[in-house]
Amino acid sequence: MIHLKQGDMLAQVGSVVACLMFVWAMFKQYFPYELRDRLEKYNKRVFTFVYPYIQIKFHEFTGERLMRSEAYSAIETYLSSSSSMQAKRLKAEVVKNNQALVLSMDDHEEVADEFKGVKLWWVSGKNAFKSQTLSFYQVTDEKRYYKLKFHKRHRDLIIGPYLNHVLKEGRALKAKNRQRKLYTNNGSYWSHVVFEHPATFKTLAMEPEKKKEIMDDLITFSQSEEFYQRIGRAWKRGYLLYGPPGTGKSTMIAAMANLLNYDIYDLELTAVKDNTELRKLLIETSRKSIVVIEDIDCSLDLTGQRRKKKEEEKEGDEKEQKPKLPKEERDSKNSQVTLSGLLNFIDGLWSVCGGERLIVFTTNFVEKLDPALIRKGRMDKHIELSYCSFEAFKVLANNYLQLESHQLFAKISDLLGEAKMTPADVAEHLMPKIVPGNAQVCLESLIGALETTKEKAKLKAEKKKHERRKHRQPKRKQKRQTTRP
């Protein structure tokens, strides 16, 4: 009897379901669209009123250009730690030049999280659209997303503090795990390679006090987002590196990137067509980056002092005498980037895009630069990289020869005070010619080079002094002739 009753109940349930499906099919077929749409809205309202949870979707791609969402990427990185402990199906990604493995939850997996005693859930989803057949294979358009679910009474806590916490932690983890890149521009587009420069401030040939000052300034900048927001300034800082060739300006930039874990954008101004392309390049740079313009005094004819009107007229007359090139050749050879466009690039309205960015100029001749380009607020910190001092030499000796002291150091110290030699030239003499190298031979080679440089500088100074005397003699003779009766 019991089995018969259960069978009857199942039959009744089946018939009820079949009737409901028939009614729903007839309803969709014969009822007007407006009525069906209104009933569905009422059903959703009733469901929302009864269902106590709120759901938020974060899609992988968003915007008109279908760029990968920064929020989605940060959430994916944030959930990598919790998903590796909870999820049963995981995805693996290799980062940092095949040296680290990051796990994230696979599609249609769910993990729980807790924030200030409130429990919530993250679900990874995927929407698959119709496949397109291309030659011999099919391509399926898939759009992934993360869905956050939480109780509606915690709405203010989750939408505000929790999501800010997730984005901040996700960005920090992503910056820590990412492989840094070195970008260069071809017109208005960036291309990149993996950045693997080994330079650090520890190996940088510089006085310890000056080195510590620069490091403290960089670290303070990277931790000052709230400060820049409070004072109403864009989160960026300009550095001007100047000094003779071979004093380590490019090495300093690499050390900055390795200290802060920033990407480098090496901007070639001569490859930029006009100010519009320059602005586009700025927009395409990412957060946590260093935008570098090396040898800016040689990049374009926009860094010198503003010419006087007479000089411009004179040059204009000279140009009129020369045959003019076709317009296409002139446009291809000459960049139309102006000083005004470059100044707006540094600290105009568009410079706030991205945030957390360093702008670095290098030059061998700082006196050639326009004062408007290097004033405070644009180039906030001016760093002079000069000839090798004894403190910088000791760093190089430790790097190349693993020496902290030697009997020849005293003599080298005296010579460095009298002869001007760049750190690059000093390092070349400390480079062992055989493996393992002989430290005595390297130091003696450096001493010989310093003595030679000292003698050359002395002879050059005497030659200049002799030329000055020779230049004065005709004037004295002429003066004597005019005084005779």
Protein backbone atom coordinates (compact mmCIF):
# COMPACT_ATOMS: atom_id res chain seq x y z
CA MET A 1 0.00 0.00 0.00
CA ILE A 2 2.82 2.36 0.84
CA HIS A 3 4.51 1.69 -2.50
CA LEU A 4 1.23 2.34 -4.34
CA LYS A 5 0.71 5.63 -2.51
CA GLN A 6 4.26 6.78 -3.39
CA GLY A 7 3.69 5.85 -7.02
CA ASP A 8 0.43 7.79 -7.05
CA MET A 9 2.13 10.84 -5.57
CA LEU A 10 4.91 10.75 -8.16
CA ALA A 11 2.34 10.44 -10.93
CA GLN A 12 0.44 13.41 -9.57
CA VAL A 13 3.60 15.51 -9.30
CA GLY A 14 4.55 14.60 -12.85
CA SER A 15 1.15 15.54 -14.17
CA VAL A 16 1.24 18.87 -12.33
CA VAL A 17 4.67 19.68 -13.77
CA ALA A 18 3.50 18.71 -17.25
CA CYS A 19 0.44 20.95 -16.89
CA LEU A 20 2.55 23.89 -15.72
CA MET A 21 4.92 23.47 -18.65
CA PHE A 22 1.97 23.31 -21.06
CA VAL A 23 0.41 26.43 -19.55
CA TRP A 24 3.79 28.28 -19.70
CA ALA A 25 4.25 27.31 -23.36
CA MET A 26 0.76 28.49 -24.25
CA PHE A 27 1.30 31.67 -22.27
CA LYS A 28 4.52 32.50 -24.16
CA GLN A 29 2.92 31.73 -27.51
CA TYR A 30 -0.43 33.52 -27.28
CA PHE A 31 -0.11 36.24 -24.62
CA PRO A 32 1.16 39.67 -25.74
CA TYR A 33 4.82 40.47 -25.19
CA GLU A 34 4.03 43.50 -23.01
CA LEU A 35 1.95 41.38 -20.62
CA ARG A 36 4.60 38.68 -20.39
CA ASP A 37 7.32 41.27 -19.75
CA ARG A 38 5.26 42.89 -16.98
CA LEU A 39 4.57 39.54 -15.28
CA GLU A 40 8.26 38.63 -15.38
CA LYS A 41 9.13 41.96 -13.74
CA TYR A 42 6.63 41.33 -10.97
CA ASN A 43 8.03 37.83 -10.45
CA LYS A 44 11.54 39.23 -10.14
CA ARG A 45 10.37 41.82 -7.60
CA VAL A 46 8.69 39.16 -5.52
CA PHE A 47 11.80 36.98 -5.72
CA THR A 48 14.03 39.90 -4.73
CA PHE A 49 11.79 40.72 -1.80
CA VAL A 50 11.95 37.14 -0.50
CA TYR A 51 15.60 36.42 -1.45
CA PRO A 52 17.88 38.12 1.15
CA TYR A 53 21.15 38.11 -0.86
CA ILE A 54 22.70 40.70 -3.18
CA GLN A 55 24.83 39.75 -6.16
CA ILE A 56 27.46 41.87 -7.98
CA LYS A 57 29.07 40.82 -11.26
CA PHE A 58 32.57 41.84 -12.36
CA HIS A 59 33.10 41.09 -16.06
CA GLU A 60 36.54 40.32 -17.49
CA PHE A 61 36.20 42.76 -20.40
CA THR A 62 34.47 46.10 -20.24
CA GLY A 63 34.25 49.41 -22.06
CA GLU A 64 33.97 50.30 -25.70
CA ARG A 65 37.48 49.07 -26.52
CA LEU A 66 36.86 45.75 -24.73
CA MET A 67 39.96 46.14 -22.59
CA ARG A 68 40.55 43.73 -19.73
CA SER A 69 38.97 45.09 -16.58
CA GLU A 70 41.44 46.18 -13.92
CA ALA A 71 38.90 45.26 -11.23
CA TYR A 72 38.54 41.71 -12.62
CA SER A 73 42.30 41.27 -12.71
CA ALA A 74 42.69 42.52 -9.12
CA ILE A 75 39.89 40.21 -7.87
CA GLU A 76 41.47 37.24 -9.65
CA THR A 77 44.80 37.93 -7.96
CA TYR A 78 43.18 38.54 -4.56
CA LEU A 79 41.26 35.25 -4.68
CA SER A 80 44.32 33.24 -5.72
CA SER A 81 45.34 32.60 -2.08
CA SER A 82 41.90 31.58 -0.78
CA SER A 83 40.94 29.64 -3.92
CA SER A 84 44.05 27.48 -3.72
CA MET A 85 42.89 26.32 -0.26
CA GLN A 86 39.14 25.90 -0.95
CA ALA A 87 38.46 25.26 -4.65
CA LYS A 88 38.66 21.73 -6.04
CA ARG A 89 39.36 22.78 -9.62
CA LEU A 90 42.17 25.30 -10.18
CA LYS A 91 43.93 27.09 -13.00
CA ALA A 92 47.72 27.62 -12.93
CA GLU A 93 49.68 30.53 -14.39
CA VAL A 94 53.46 30.96 -14.47
CA VAL A 95 54.78 34.43 -13.66
CA LYS A 96 58.09 36.16 -12.99
CA ASN A 97 60.02 34.62 -15.86
CA ASN A 98 58.90 31.03 -15.15
CA GLN A 99 60.01 31.26 -11.52
CA ALA A 100 56.66 31.44 -9.71
CA LEU A 101 53.31 29.66 -10.02
CA VAL A 102 50.00 31.39 -9.27
CA LEU A 103 46.80 29.37 -8.78
CA SER A 104 43.27 30.65 -9.36
CA MET A 105 39.89 28.93 -9.24
CA ASP A 106 38.52 27.42 -12.43
CA ASP A 107 35.19 28.33 -14.03
CA HIS A 108 31.99 27.68 -12.02
CA GLU A 109 33.85 27.29 -8.72
CA GLU A 110 32.85 28.97 -5.45
CA VAL A 111 35.00 30.11 -2.51
CA ALA A 112 34.04 31.83 0.73
CA ASP A 113 35.65 34.92 2.23
CA GLU A 114 35.25 36.80 5.50
CA PHE A 115 35.62 40.50 6.24
CA LYS A 116 35.12 42.00 9.70
CA GLY A 117 33.06 38.99 10.80
CA VAL A 118 30.82 39.03 7.70
CA LYS A 119 30.81 35.98 5.44
CA LEU A 120 30.46 36.30 1.68
CA TRP A 121 30.98 34.16 -1.41
CA TRP A 122 32.80 34.52 -4.72
CA VAL A 123 31.71 32.50 -7.78
CA SER A 124 33.64 32.31 -11.06
CA GLY A 125 31.38 32.09 -14.11
CA LYS A 126 31.56 32.00 -17.88
CA ASN A 127 29.07 32.94 -20.58
CA ALA A 128 29.51 31.08 -23.87
CA PHE A 129 28.03 32.53 -27.05
CA LYS A 130 27.40 31.06 -30.48
CA SER A 131 30.46 29.59 -32.18
CA GLN A 132 31.83 30.95 -35.41
CA THR A 133 33.25 28.55 -37.97
CA LEU A 134 36.61 29.63 -39.36
CA SER A 135 38.01 27.33 -42.07
CA PHE A 136 38.45 23.97 -40.32
CA TYR A 137 37.78 24.87 -36.69
CA GLN A 138 35.23 26.64 -34.54
CA VAL A 139 35.76 29.65 -32.31
CA THR A 140 33.58 30.14 -29.25
CA ASP A 141 33.17 33.61 -27.78
CA GLU A 142 33.48 33.23 -24.00
CA LYS A 143 33.14 36.02 -21.45
CA ARG A 144 34.22 35.27 -17.91
CA TYR A 145 33.13 37.05 -14.76
CA TYR A 146 33.27 36.92 -10.97
CA LYS A 147 30.07 37.13 -8.96
CA LEU A 148 30.05 38.36 -5.37
CA LYS A 149 27.17 37.25 -3.13
CA PHE A 150 26.42 38.64 0.35
CA HIS A 151 23.46 39.34 2.66
CA LYS A 152 21.67 42.60 1.97
CA ARG A 153 22.00 43.84 5.55
CA HIS A 154 25.80 44.15 4.98
CA ARG A 155 25.41 46.22 1.81
CA ASP A 156 27.26 49.34 3.01
CA LEU A 157 30.17 47.38 4.45
CA ILE A 158 30.71 45.22 1.36
CA ILE A 159 30.22 47.83 -1.38
CA GLY A 160 32.50 50.32 0.36
CA PRO A 161 35.33 49.08 2.61
CA TYR A 162 35.41 45.44 1.49
CA LEU A 163 35.63 46.06 -2.26
CA ASN A 164 38.26 48.76 -1.71
CA HIS A 165 40.20 46.24 0.38
CA VAL A 166 39.96 43.59 -2.35
CA LEU A 167 41.12 45.96 -5.11
CA LYS A 168 44.00 47.32 -3.05
CA GLU A 169 45.27 43.89 -1.96
CA GLY A 170 44.81 42.47 -5.45
CA ARG A 171 46.83 45.25 -7.07
CA ALA A 172 49.61 44.87 -4.50
CA LEU A 173 49.82 41.10 -5.04
CA LYS A 174 49.73 41.54 -8.80
CA ALA A 175 52.58 44.05 -8.71
CA LYS A 176 54.58 41.69 -6.49
CA ASN A 177 54.07 38.66 -8.74
CA ARG A 178 54.26 40.31 -12.16
CA GLN A 179 57.18 40.20 -14.54
CA ARG A 180 58.38 43.74 -15.13
CA LYS A 181 58.48 44.99 -18.72
CA LEU A 182 60.49 47.49 -20.72
CA TYR A 183 58.36 49.36 -23.25
CA THR A 184 59.39 51.40 -26.27
CA ASN A 185 57.21 53.32 -28.70
CA ASN A 186 56.80 52.92 -32.43
CA GLY A 187 54.77 55.97 -33.35
CA SER A 188 51.73 55.96 -31.06
CA TYR A 189 51.97 52.30 -30.03
CA TRP A 190 53.98 50.60 -27.30
CA SER A 191 55.84 47.31 -27.69
CA HIS A 192 57.66 45.57 -24.86
CA VAL A 193 60.26 43.03 -23.81
CA VAL A 194 60.86 41.45 -20.40
CA PHE A 195 62.85 43.78 -18.13
CA GLU A 196 65.69 41.84 -16.51
CA HIS A 197 68.26 44.53 -15.67
CA PRO A 198 70.13 43.45 -12.49
CA ALA A 199 71.05 46.96 -11.25
CA THR A 200 70.16 47.79 -7.65
CA PHE A 201 70.98 50.67 -5.33
CA LYS A 202 73.32 48.34 -3.47
CA THR A 203 75.53 47.97 -6.55
CA LEU A 204 75.14 51.60 -7.68
CA ALA A 205 78.41 53.58 -7.58
CA MET A 206 77.40 56.56 -5.45
CA GLU A 207 78.01 58.10 -2.06
CA PRO A 208 75.98 56.24 0.63
CA GLU A 209 74.31 59.40 1.97
CA LYS A 210 73.13 60.50 -1.46
CA LYS A 211 71.99 56.98 -2.29
CA LYS A 212 69.94 56.73 0.91
CA GLU A 213 68.35 60.13 0.25
CA ILE A 214 67.15 59.02 -3.21
CA MET A 215 65.86 55.65 -1.93
CA ASP A 216 63.91 57.29 0.89
CA ASP A 217 62.38 59.77 -1.56
CA LEU A 218 61.26 56.98 -3.91
CA ILE A 219 59.79 54.80 -1.16
CA THR A 220 57.97 57.78 0.37
CA PHE A 221 56.46 58.60 -3.02
CA SER A 222 55.25 55.02 -3.58
CA GLN A 223 53.43 55.04 -0.22
CA SER A 224 51.82 58.49 -0.49
CA GLU A 225 48.62 57.95 -2.46
CA GLU A 226 46.39 59.39 0.30
CA PHE A 227 48.74 62.36 0.74
CA TYR A 228 48.58 63.31 -2.95
CA GLN A 229 44.80 63.01 -2.90
CA ARG A 230 44.57 65.21 0.18
CA ILE A 231 46.69 68.02 -1.29
CA GLY A 232 44.94 67.80 -4.68
CA ARG A 233 47.94 66.83 -6.83
CA ALA A 234 48.42 64.07 -9.37
CA TRP A 235 50.24 61.05 -7.94
CA LYS A 236 53.44 61.49 -9.95
CA ARG A 237 56.96 62.76 -9.43
CA GLY A 238 59.60 64.08 -11.81
CA TYR A 239 63.33 63.31 -11.65
CA LEU A 240 66.05 65.05 -13.65
CA LEU A 241 69.29 63.05 -13.92
CA TYR A 242 72.16 65.08 -15.31
CA GLY A 243 75.92 64.70 -15.59
CA PRO A 244 78.69 63.70 -18.02
CA PRO A 245 78.34 60.56 -20.15
CA GLY A 246 79.20 57.35 -18.31
CA THR A 247 78.14 58.52 -14.85
CA GLY A 248 75.34 55.93 -14.49
CA LYS A 249 72.12 57.70 -15.45
CA SER A 250 70.59 54.67 -17.20
CA THR A 251 71.76 52.39 -14.38
CA MET A 252 70.05 54.69 -11.89
CA ILE A 253 66.75 54.31 -13.77
CA ALA A 254 67.06 50.52 -13.72
CA ALA A 255 67.77 50.61 -9.97
CA MET A 256 64.65 52.77 -9.45
CA ALA A 257 62.50 50.25 -11.33
CA ASN A 258 63.91 47.31 -9.37
CA LEU A 259 63.45 49.09 -6.04
CA LEU A 260 59.78 50.00 -6.64
CA ASN A 261 58.91 47.06 -8.91
CA TYR A 262 57.80 49.45 -11.69
CA ASP A 263 57.65 48.99 -15.46
CA ILE A 264 59.75 51.27 -17.67
CA TYR A 265 58.38 53.18 -20.68
CA ASP A 266 61.33 54.41 -22.76
CA LEU A 267 59.79 57.23 -24.79
CA GLU A 268 61.50 58.16 -28.08
CA LEU A 269 60.23 61.65 -28.88
CA THR A 270 61.56 61.68 -32.44
CA ALA A 271 59.25 58.75 -33.26
CA VAL A 272 56.16 60.67 -32.09
CA LYS A 273 54.32 62.50 -34.87
CA ASP A 274 52.60 65.24 -32.88
CA ASN A 275 51.16 66.24 -29.51
CA THR A 276 48.07 64.09 -30.04
CA GLU A 277 50.16 60.94 -30.39
CA LEU A 278 52.19 61.97 -27.34
CA ARG A 279 48.99 62.26 -25.30
CA LYS A 280 47.79 58.87 -26.56
CA LEU A 281 51.05 57.26 -25.47
CA LEU A 282 50.64 58.73 -21.99
CA ILE A 283 47.10 57.34 -21.67
CA GLU A 284 48.33 53.86 -22.62
CA THR A 285 50.93 53.72 -19.82
CA SER A 286 50.02 51.67 -16.76
CA ARG A 287 50.16 52.38 -13.06
CA LYS A 288 53.43 51.73 -11.24
CA SER A 289 55.59 52.83 -14.15
CA ILE A 290 58.56 55.04 -15.00
CA VAL A 291 58.29 57.16 -18.15
CA VAL A 292 61.83 57.89 -19.37
CA ILE A 293 63.06 60.40 -21.94
CA GLU A 294 66.83 59.92 -22.25
CA ASP A 295 69.12 62.67 -23.58
CA ILE A 296 66.24 65.09 -23.79
CA ASP A 297 68.59 67.85 -24.96
CA CYS A 298 69.13 65.79 -28.15
CA SER A 299 65.58 64.49 -28.61
CA LEU A 300 63.94 67.45 -30.39
CA ASP A 301 64.55 71.14 -30.96
CA LEU A 302 62.37 72.12 -28.02
CA THR A 303 64.63 72.04 -24.99
CA GLY A 304 66.92 75.02 -25.54
CA GLN A 305 66.40 78.60 -24.52
CA ARG A 306 63.73 80.36 -26.55
CA ARG A 307 65.38 81.95 -29.58
CA LYS A 308 65.51 85.65 -30.08
CA LYS A 309 63.60 87.23 -32.91
CA LYS A 310 66.73 88.22 -34.86
CA GLU A 311 68.12 84.70 -34.75
CA GLU A 312 64.83 83.32 -36.04
CA GLU A 313 64.80 85.80 -38.91
CA LYS A 314 68.39 84.95 -39.79
CA GLU A 315 67.67 81.24 -39.82
CA GLY A 316 64.55 81.88 -41.88
CA ASP A 317 66.64 83.64 -44.54
CA GLU A 318 69.07 80.72 -44.64
CA LYS A 319 66.23 78.23 -45.05
CA GLU A 320 64.80 80.20 -47.97
CA GLN A 321 68.07 79.80 -49.85
CA LYS A 322 68.04 76.00 -49.47
CA PRO A 323 65.84 73.86 -51.75
CA LYS A 324 62.66 72.73 -50.01
CA LEU A 325 61.86 69.03 -49.65
CA PRO A 326 58.48 67.61 -50.68
CA LYS A 327 55.79 67.84 -48.00
CA GLU A 328 55.67 64.06 -47.51
CA GLU A 329 59.41 63.89 -46.76
CA ARG A 330 59.25 66.87 -44.41
CA ASP A 331 56.37 65.32 -42.46
CA SER A 332 58.12 61.94 -42.20
CA LYS A 333 61.41 63.42 -40.98
CA ASN A 334 60.20 66.12 -38.60
CA SER A 335 58.23 65.52 -35.44
CA GLN A 336 55.59 68.12 -34.66
CA VAL A 337 55.83 67.69 -30.87
CA THR A 338 56.13 71.11 -29.27
CA LEU A 339 57.48 72.31 -25.96
CA SER A 340 53.92 73.14 -24.89
CA GLY A 341 52.80 69.59 -25.73
CA LEU A 342 55.66 68.12 -23.71
CA LEU A 343 54.87 70.35 -20.72
CA ASN A 344 51.23 69.24 -20.82
CA PHE A 345 52.45 65.65 -21.03
CA ILE A 346 54.39 66.13 -17.80
CA ASP A 347 51.94 68.01 -15.61
CA GLY A 348 48.82 68.89 -17.65
CA LEU A 349 45.31 67.59 -17.19
CA TRP A 350 46.14 64.32 -19.00
CA SER A 351 49.07 63.59 -16.68
CA VAL A 352 46.68 62.40 -13.93
CA CYS A 353 45.68 59.34 -16.00
CA GLY A 354 46.92 56.15 -14.34
CA GLY A 355 48.60 57.56 -11.26
CA GLU A 356 51.67 56.31 -9.36
CA ARG A 357 54.05 57.30 -12.13
CA LEU A 358 57.60 58.62 -12.24
CA ILE A 359 58.75 60.84 -15.11
CA VAL A 360 62.53 60.82 -15.60
CA PHE A 361 64.59 63.04 -17.90
CA THR A 362 68.30 62.48 -18.50
CA THR A 363 70.73 64.93 -20.04
CA ASN A 364 74.47 65.52 -20.36
CA PHE A 365 74.05 69.30 -20.59
CA VAL A 366 71.51 70.63 -18.11
CA GLU A 367 72.28 74.24 -19.08
CA LYS A 368 70.74 73.62 -22.52
CA LEU A 369 67.31 72.80 -21.13
CA ASP A 370 64.51 75.34 -21.03
CA PRO A 371 63.85 76.48 -17.44
CA ALA A 372 60.12 75.88 -17.90
CA LEU A 373 60.85 72.20 -18.54
CA ILE A 374 62.86 71.49 -15.39
CA ARG A 375 61.27 73.77 -12.81
CA LYS A 376 59.99 72.35 -9.51
CA GLY A 377 56.58 70.79 -9.96
CA ARG A 378 57.67 69.21 -13.23
CA MET A 379 61.11 67.89 -12.39
CA ASP A 380 60.70 67.79 -8.61
CA LYS A 381 64.11 66.34 -7.81
CA HIS A 382 67.36 67.18 -9.61
CA ILE A 383 70.05 64.52 -9.20
CA GLU A 384 73.59 65.24 -10.37
CA LEU A 385 75.62 62.18 -11.32
CA SER A 386 79.21 63.35 -11.52
CA TYR A 387 82.67 61.84 -11.81
CA CYS A 388 83.70 58.92 -9.66
CA SER A 389 84.46 59.72 -6.04
CA PHE A 390 86.37 57.48 -3.63
CA GLU A 391 83.13 56.34 -1.95
CA ALA A 392 81.74 55.35 -5.35
CA PHE A 393 85.02 53.58 -6.17
CA LYS A 394 84.75 51.43 -3.01
CA VAL A 395 81.31 50.25 -4.16
CA LEU A 396 82.75 49.31 -7.56
CA ALA A 397 85.74 47.55 -5.98
CA ASN A 398 83.38 45.51 -3.84
CA ASN A 399 81.18 44.68 -6.86
CA TYR A 400 83.97 43.72 -9.27
CA LEU A 401 86.80 42.48 -7.04
CA GLN A 402 84.98 41.74 -3.74
CA LEU A 403 87.44 44.02 -1.96
CA GLU A 404 86.54 46.22 0.99
CA SER A 405 90.09 47.45 1.62
CA HIS A 406 93.53 47.28 -0.01
CA GLN A 407 96.91 48.92 0.38
CA LEU A 408 96.49 50.75 -2.94
CA PHE A 409 93.18 52.36 -1.90
CA ALA A 410 94.96 55.36 -0.34
CA LYS A 411 96.78 56.18 -3.55
CA ILE A 412 93.59 55.75 -5.59
CA SER A 413 91.78 58.10 -3.21
CA ASP A 414 94.36 60.83 -3.81
CA LEU A 415 94.26 60.38 -7.58
CA LEU A 416 90.46 60.46 -7.72
CA GLY A 417 90.58 63.83 -5.98
CA GLU A 418 92.87 65.20 -8.72
CA ALA A 419 91.74 63.38 -11.89
CA LYS A 420 88.23 63.28 -13.36
CA MET A 421 87.14 59.78 -14.40
CA THR A 422 83.60 58.49 -14.80
CA PRO A 423 82.36 55.40 -12.93
CA ALA A 424 82.07 53.60 -16.30
CA ASP A 425 85.78 54.13 -17.01
CA VAL A 426 86.75 53.09 -13.49
CA ALA A 427 84.64 49.94 -13.76
CA GLU A 428 86.35 49.02 -17.06
CA HIS A 429 89.74 48.94 -15.35
CA LEU A 430 88.36 46.91 -12.44
CA MET A 431 86.91 44.31 -14.80
CA PRO A 432 89.06 41.14 -14.39
CA LYS A 433 90.71 40.16 -17.66
CA ILE A 434 91.09 36.55 -16.51
CA VAL A 435 88.97 34.29 -14.28
CA PRO A 436 89.70 34.45 -11.40
CA GLY A 437 91.04 37.99 -11.77
CA ASN A 438 94.05 39.44 -9.96
CA ALA A 439 92.90 42.36 -7.81
CA GLN A 440 96.44 43.82 -7.64
CA VAL A 441 96.70 43.96 -11.43
CA CYS A 442 93.27 45.63 -11.78
CA LEU A 443 94.05 48.29 -9.19
CA GLU A 444 97.45 49.03 -10.74
CA SER A 445 95.77 49.38 -14.13
CA LEU A 446 93.35 51.89 -12.64
CA ILE A 447 96.18 53.84 -11.01
CA GLY A 448 98.00 54.03 -14.35
CA ALA A 449 94.86 55.28 -16.09
CA LEU A 450 94.24 57.90 -13.39
CA GLU A 451 97.81 59.18 -13.65
CA THR A 452 97.48 59.41 -17.43
CA THR A 453 94.19 61.29 -17.10
CA LYS A 454 95.79 63.63 -14.59
CA GLU A 455 98.69 64.40 -16.95
CA LYS A 456 96.36 64.97 -19.90
CA ALA A 457 94.25 67.37 -17.85
CA LYS A 458 97.40 69.22 -16.78
CA LEU A 459 98.67 69.54 -20.36
CA LYS A 460 95.24 70.67 -21.53
CA ALA A 461 95.12 73.35 -18.86
CA GLU A 462 98.61 74.60 -19.79
CA LYS A 463 97.64 74.69 -23.47
CA LYS A 464 94.55 76.78 -22.72
CA LYS A 465 96.64 79.12 -20.57
CA HIS A 466 99.18 79.53 -23.38
CA GLU A 467 96.44 80.28 -25.93
CA ARG A 468 95.00 82.96 -23.67
CA ARG A 469 98.41 84.64 -23.37
CA LYS A 470 98.91 84.42 -27.13
CA HIS A 471 95.50 85.97 -27.68
CA ARG A 472 96.31 88.89 -25.39
CA GLN A 473 99.71 89.74 -26.97
CA PRO A 474 98.40 91.30 -30.25
CA LYS A 475 96.09 93.55 -28.27
CA ARG A 476 99.01 94.81 -26.15
CA LYS A 477 101.15 95.51 -29.25
CA GLN A 478 98.27 97.35 -30.88
CA LYS A 479 97.77 99.39 -27.75
CA ARG A 480 101.47 100.36 -27.69
CA GLN A 481 101.36 101.47 -31.33
CA THR A 482 98.39 103.77 -30.67
CA THR A 483 100.19 105.46 -27.75
CA ARG A 484 103.30 106.47 -29.80
CA PRO A 485 103.41 110.13 -30.90
